[in-house]
């Protein structure tokens, strides 16, 4: 997931023992989807990740 220079710093918890709903959501989305933010048109481009065989 690529969202600017501060990728992964907004809601990530430093202590892995204390995970928030945001951590679980980010892990799920990064695992299933390729998400890119287009800074020129201000929109997101979302696609399923391709499976490796």
PDB file of N, CA and C in Angstrom:
ATOM      1  N   UNK A   1       0.849  -1.166   0.000  1.00  0.00           N
ATOM      2  CA  UNK A   1       0.000   0.000   0.000  1.00  0.00           C
ATOM      3  C   UNK A   1       0.892   1.225   0.000  1.00  0.00           C
ATOM      4  N   UNK A   2       0.748   2.068  -1.008  1.00  0.00           N
ATOM      5  CA  UNK A   2       1.587   3.254  -1.128  1.00  0.00           C
ATOM      6  C   UNK A   2       0.705   4.480  -0.954  1.00  0.00           C
ATOM      7  N   UNK A   3       0.941   5.234   0.117  1.00  0.00           N
ATOM      8  CA  UNK A   3       0.134   6.429   0.374  1.00  0.00           C
ATOM      9  C   UNK A   3       1.054   7.533   0.873  1.00  0.00           C
ATOM     10  N   UNK A   4       1.900   8.047   0.030  1.00  0.00           N
ATOM     11  CA  UNK A   4       2.756   9.165   0.405  1.00  0.00           C
ATOM     12  C   UNK A   4       3.988   8.753   1.190  1.00  0.00           C
ATOM     13  N   UNK A   5       4.638   9.756   1.781  1.00  0.00           N
ATOM     14  CA  UNK A   5       5.893   9.525   2.485  1.00  0.00           C
ATOM     15  C   UNK A   5       5.708   8.955   3.886  1.00  0.00           C
ATOM     16  N   UNK A   6       4.546   9.145   4.484  1.00  0.00           N
ATOM     17  CA  UNK A   6       4.323   8.705   5.859  1.00  0.00           C
ATOM     18  C   UNK A   6       3.597   7.369   5.908  1.00  0.00           C
ATOM     19  N   UNK A   7       3.917   6.512   4.986  1.00  0.00           N
ATOM     20  CA  UNK A   7       3.271   5.211   4.873  1.00  0.00           C
ATOM     21  C   UNK A   7       3.455   4.405   6.157  1.00  0.00           C
ATOM     22  N   UNK A   8       2.359   3.943   6.708  1.00  0.00           N
ATOM     23  CA  UNK A   8       2.419   3.060   7.858  1.00  0.00           C
ATOM     24  C   UNK A   8       2.687   3.738   9.177  1.00  0.00           C
ATOM     25  N   UNK A   9       2.686   5.038   9.243  1.00  0.00           N
ATOM     26  CA  UNK A   9       2.996   5.714  10.495  1.00  0.00           C
ATOM     27  C   UNK A   9       1.772   6.300  11.177  1.00  0.00           C
ATOM     28  N   UNK A  10       0.646   6.344  10.503  1.00  0.00           N
ATOM     29  CA  UNK A  10      -0.510   7.032  11.047  1.00  0.00           C
ATOM     30  C   UNK A  10      -1.150   6.269  12.197  1.00  0.00           C
ATOM     31  N   UNK A  11      -1.483   5.008  11.991  1.00  0.00           N
ATOM     32  CA  UNK A  11      -2.196   4.252  13.012  1.00  0.00           C
ATOM     33  C   UNK A  11      -1.436   3.042  13.525  1.00  0.00           C
ATOM     34  N   UNK A  12      -0.209   2.854  13.103  1.00  0.00           N
ATOM     35  CA  UNK A  12       0.543   1.677  13.535  1.00  0.00           C
ATOM     36  C   UNK A  12       0.920   1.786  15.012  1.00  0.00           C
ATOM     37  N   UNK A  13       0.800   0.661  15.702  1.00  0.00           N
ATOM     38  CA  UNK A  13       1.154   0.597  17.113  1.00  0.00           C
ATOM     39  C   UNK A  13       2.588   0.106  17.218  1.00  0.00           C
ATOM     40  N   UNK A  14       3.377   0.750  18.069  1.00  0.00           N
ATOM     41  CA  UNK A  14       4.780   0.351  18.219  1.00  0.00           C
ATOM     42  C   UNK A  14       4.906  -0.968  18.964  1.00  0.00           C
ATOM     43  N   UNK A  15       4.068  -1.193  19.965  1.00  0.00           N
ATOM     44  CA  UNK A  15       4.094  -2.427  20.736  1.00  0.00           C
ATOM     45  C   UNK A  15       3.137  -3.423  20.080  1.00  0.00           C
ATOM     46  N   UNK A  16       3.669  -4.526  19.572  1.00  0.00           N
ATOM     47  CA  UNK A  16       2.852  -5.491  18.826  1.00  0.00           C
ATOM     48  C   UNK A  16       1.798  -6.171  19.701  1.00  0.00           C
ATOM     49  N   UNK A  17       1.946  -6.118  21.021  1.00  0.00           N
ATOM     50  CA  UNK A  17       0.967  -6.734  21.910  1.00  0.00           C
ATOM     51  C   UNK A  17      -0.350  -5.968  21.924  1.00  0.00           C
ATOM     52  N   UNK A  18      -0.304  -4.702  21.557  1.00  0.00           N
ATOM     53  CA  UNK A  18      -1.502  -3.863  21.590  1.00  0.00           C
ATOM     54  C   UNK A  18      -1.888  -3.471  20.172  1.00  0.00           C
ATOM     55  N   UNK A  19      -2.644  -4.321  19.504  1.00  0.00           N
ATOM     56  CA  UNK A  19      -3.074  -4.036  18.140  1.00  0.00           C
ATOM     57  C   UNK A  19      -4.455  -3.398  18.168  1.00  0.00           C
ATOM     58  N   UNK A  20      -4.640  -2.424  17.311  1.00  0.00           N
ATOM     59  CA  UNK A  20      -5.934  -1.764  17.207  1.00  0.00           C
ATOM     60  C   UNK A  20      -6.681  -2.282  15.984  1.00  0.00           C
ATOM     61  N   UNK A  21      -7.909  -1.867  15.844  1.00  0.00           N
ATOM     62  CA  UNK A  21      -8.701  -2.246  14.676  1.00  0.00           C
ATOM     63  C   UNK A  21      -8.054  -1.715  13.404  1.00  0.00           C
ATOM     64  N   UNK A  22      -7.364  -0.591  13.504  1.00  0.00           N
ATOM     65  CA  UNK A  22      -6.679  -0.017  12.343  1.00  0.00           C
ATOM     66  C   UNK A  22      -5.521  -0.905  11.895  1.00  0.00           C
ATOM     67  N   UNK A  23      -4.791  -1.492  12.849  1.00  0.00           N
ATOM     68  CA  UNK A  23      -3.697  -2.403  12.505  1.00  0.00           C
ATOM     69  C   UNK A  23      -4.220  -3.632  11.760  1.00  0.00           C
ATOM     70  N   UNK A  24      -5.306  -4.217  12.263  1.00  0.00           N
ATOM     71  CA  UNK A  24      -5.887  -5.381  11.597  1.00  0.00           C
ATOM     72  C   UNK A  24      -6.410  -5.021  10.213  1.00  0.00           C
ATOM     73  N   UNK A  25      -7.013  -3.846  10.087  1.00  0.00           N
ATOM     74  CA  UNK A  25      -7.537  -3.401   8.797  1.00  0.00           C
ATOM     75  C   UNK A  25      -6.416  -3.187   7.793  1.00  0.00           C
ATOM     76  N   UNK A  26      -5.335  -2.543   8.212  1.00  0.00           N
ATOM     77  CA  UNK A  26      -4.195  -2.293   7.324  1.00  0.00           C
ATOM     78  C   UNK A  26      -3.562  -3.609   6.882  1.00  0.00           C
ATOM     79  N   UNK A  27      -3.392  -4.555   7.814  1.00  0.00           N
ATOM     80  CA  UNK A  27      -2.818  -5.852   7.461  1.00  0.00           C
ATOM     81  C   UNK A  27      -3.685  -6.573   6.430  1.00  0.00           C
ATOM     82  N   UNK A  28      -4.989  -6.548   6.625  1.00  0.00           N
ATOM     83  CA  UNK A  28      -5.898  -7.207   5.686  1.00  0.00           C
ATOM     84  C   UNK A  28      -5.839  -6.554   4.313  1.00  0.00           C
ATOM     85  N   UNK A  29      -5.935  -5.224   4.282  1.00  0.00           N
ATOM     86  CA  UNK A  29      -5.941  -4.513   3.005  1.00  0.00           C
ATOM     87  C   UNK A  29      -4.621  -4.664   2.263  1.00  0.00           C
ATOM     88  N   UNK A  30      -3.490  -4.590   2.982  1.00  0.00           N
ATOM     89  CA  UNK A  30      -2.190  -4.752   2.331  1.00  0.00           C
ATOM     90  C   UNK A  30      -1.999  -6.174   1.824  1.00  0.00           C
ATOM     91  N   UNK A  31      -2.637  -7.142   2.467  1.00  0.00           N
ATOM     92  CA  UNK A  31      -2.522  -8.528   2.035  1.00  0.00           C
ATOM     93  C   UNK A  31      -3.362  -8.864   0.817  1.00  0.00           C
ATOM     94  N   UNK A  32      -4.502  -8.211   0.661  1.00  0.00           N
ATOM     95  CA  UNK A  32      -5.445  -8.543  -0.402  1.00  0.00           C
ATOM     96  C   UNK A  32      -5.411  -7.601  -1.598  1.00  0.00           C
ATOM     97  N   UNK A  33      -5.063  -6.330  -1.384  1.00  0.00           N
ATOM     98  CA  UNK A  33      -5.211  -5.325  -2.432  1.00  0.00           C
ATOM     99  C   UNK A  33      -3.935  -4.518  -2.656  1.00  0.00           C
ATOM    100  N   UNK A  34      -3.773  -4.048  -3.883  1.00  0.00           N
ATOM    101  CA  UNK A  34      -2.761  -3.043  -4.211  1.00  0.00           C
ATOM    102  C   UNK A  34      -3.490  -1.706  -4.234  1.00  0.00           C
ATOM    103  N   UNK A  35      -3.115  -0.817  -3.328  1.00  0.00           N
ATOM    104  CA  UNK A  35      -3.788   0.474  -3.219  1.00  0.00           C
ATOM    105  C   UNK A  35      -2.767   1.568  -3.487  1.00  0.00           C
ATOM    106  N   UNK A  36      -3.085   2.411  -4.453  1.00  0.00           N
ATOM    107  CA  UNK A  36      -2.202   3.527  -4.783  1.00  0.00           C
ATOM    108  C   UNK A  36      -3.006   4.815  -4.764  1.00  0.00           C
ATOM    109  N   UNK A  37      -2.406   5.876  -4.275  1.00  0.00           N
ATOM    110  CA  UNK A  37      -3.047   7.186  -4.249  1.00  0.00           C
ATOM    111  C   UNK A  37      -2.425   8.051  -5.333  1.00  0.00           C
ATOM    112  N   UNK A  38      -3.254   8.590  -6.206  1.00  0.00           N
ATOM    113  CA  UNK A  38      -2.796   9.468  -7.267  1.00  0.00           C
ATOM    114  C   UNK A  38      -2.882  10.902  -6.752  1.00  0.00           C
ATOM    115  N   UNK A  39      -1.733  11.508  -6.488  1.00  0.00           N
ATOM    116  CA  UNK A  39      -1.700  12.847  -5.902  1.00  0.00           C
ATOM    117  C   UNK A  39      -2.117  13.936  -6.878  1.00  0.00           C
ATOM    118  N   UNK A  40      -2.050  13.667  -8.160  1.00  0.00           N
ATOM    119  CA  UNK A  40      -2.437  14.670  -9.153  1.00  0.00           C
ATOM    120  C   UNK A  40      -3.962  14.750  -9.262  1.00  0.00           C
ATOM    121  N   UNK A  41      -4.613  13.610  -9.408  1.00  0.00           N
ATOM    122  CA  UNK A  41      -6.072  13.615  -9.556  1.00  0.00           C
ATOM    123  C   UNK A  41      -6.810  13.417  -8.231  1.00  0.00           C
ATOM    124  N   UNK A  42      -6.072  13.199  -7.147  1.00  0.00           N
ATOM    125  CA  UNK A  42      -6.637  13.031  -5.800  1.00  0.00           C
ATOM    126  C   UNK A  42      -7.650  11.888  -5.739  1.00  0.00           C
ATOM    127  N   UNK A  43      -7.247  10.740  -6.254  1.00  0.00           N
ATOM    128  CA  UNK A  43      -8.103   9.571  -6.143  1.00  0.00           C
ATOM    129  C   UNK A  43      -7.259   8.334  -5.851  1.00  0.00           C
ATOM    130  N   UNK A  44      -7.940   7.291  -5.408  1.00  0.00           N
ATOM    131  CA  UNK A  44      -7.279   6.034  -5.102  1.00  0.00           C
ATOM    132  C   UNK A  44      -7.477   5.062  -6.250  1.00  0.00           C
ATOM    133  N   UNK A  45      -6.451   4.261  -6.502  1.00  0.00           N
ATOM    134  CA  UNK A  45      -6.532   3.191  -7.488  1.00  0.00           C
ATOM    135  C   UNK A  45      -6.386   1.883  -6.721  1.00  0.00           C
ATOM    136  N   UNK A  46      -7.438   1.083  -6.728  1.00  0.00           N
ATOM    137  CA  UNK A  46      -7.473  -0.146  -5.945  1.00  0.00           C
ATOM    138  C   UNK A  46      -7.626  -1.330  -6.887  1.00  0.00           C
ATOM    139  N   UNK A  47      -6.765  -2.339  -6.703  1.00  0.00           N
ATOM    140  CA  UNK A  47      -6.873  -3.560  -7.501  1.00  0.00           C
ATOM    141  C   UNK A  47      -6.494  -4.754  -6.634  1.00  0.00           C
ATOM    142  N   UNK A  48      -7.035  -5.911  -6.977  1.00  0.00           N
ATOM    143  CA  UNK A  48      -6.684  -7.132  -6.259  1.00  0.00           C
ATOM    144  C   UNK A  48      -5.232  -7.486  -6.539  1.00  0.00           C
ATOM    145  N   UNK A  49      -4.560  -8.025  -5.531  1.00  0.00           N
ATOM    146  CA  UNK A  49      -3.189  -8.481  -5.746  1.00  0.00           C
ATOM    147  C   UNK A  49      -3.217  -9.745  -6.583  1.00  0.00           C
ATOM    148  N   UNK A  50      -2.224  -9.890  -7.427  1.00  0.00           N
ATOM    149  CA  UNK A  50      -2.129 -11.083  -8.260  1.00  0.00           C
ATOM    150  C   UNK A  50      -1.486 -12.190  -7.445  1.00  0.00           C
ATOM    151  N   UNK A  51      -2.049 -13.371  -7.577  1.00  0.00           N
ATOM    152  CA  UNK A  51      -1.522 -14.516  -6.832  1.00  0.00           C
ATOM    153  C   UNK A  51      -0.243 -15.013  -7.474  1.00  0.00           C
ATOM    154  N   UNK A  52       0.714 -15.380  -6.631  1.00  0.00           N
ATOM    155  CA  UNK A  52       1.971 -15.952  -7.129  1.00  0.00           C
ATOM    156  C   UNK A  52       1.825 -17.459  -7.178  1.00  0.00           C
ATOM    157  N   UNK A  53       2.200 -18.048  -8.302  1.00  0.00           N
ATOM    158  CA  UNK A  53       2.106 -19.511  -8.438  1.00  0.00           C
ATOM    159  C   UNK A  53       3.469 -20.116  -8.507  1.00  0.00           C
TER     160      UNK A  53
END
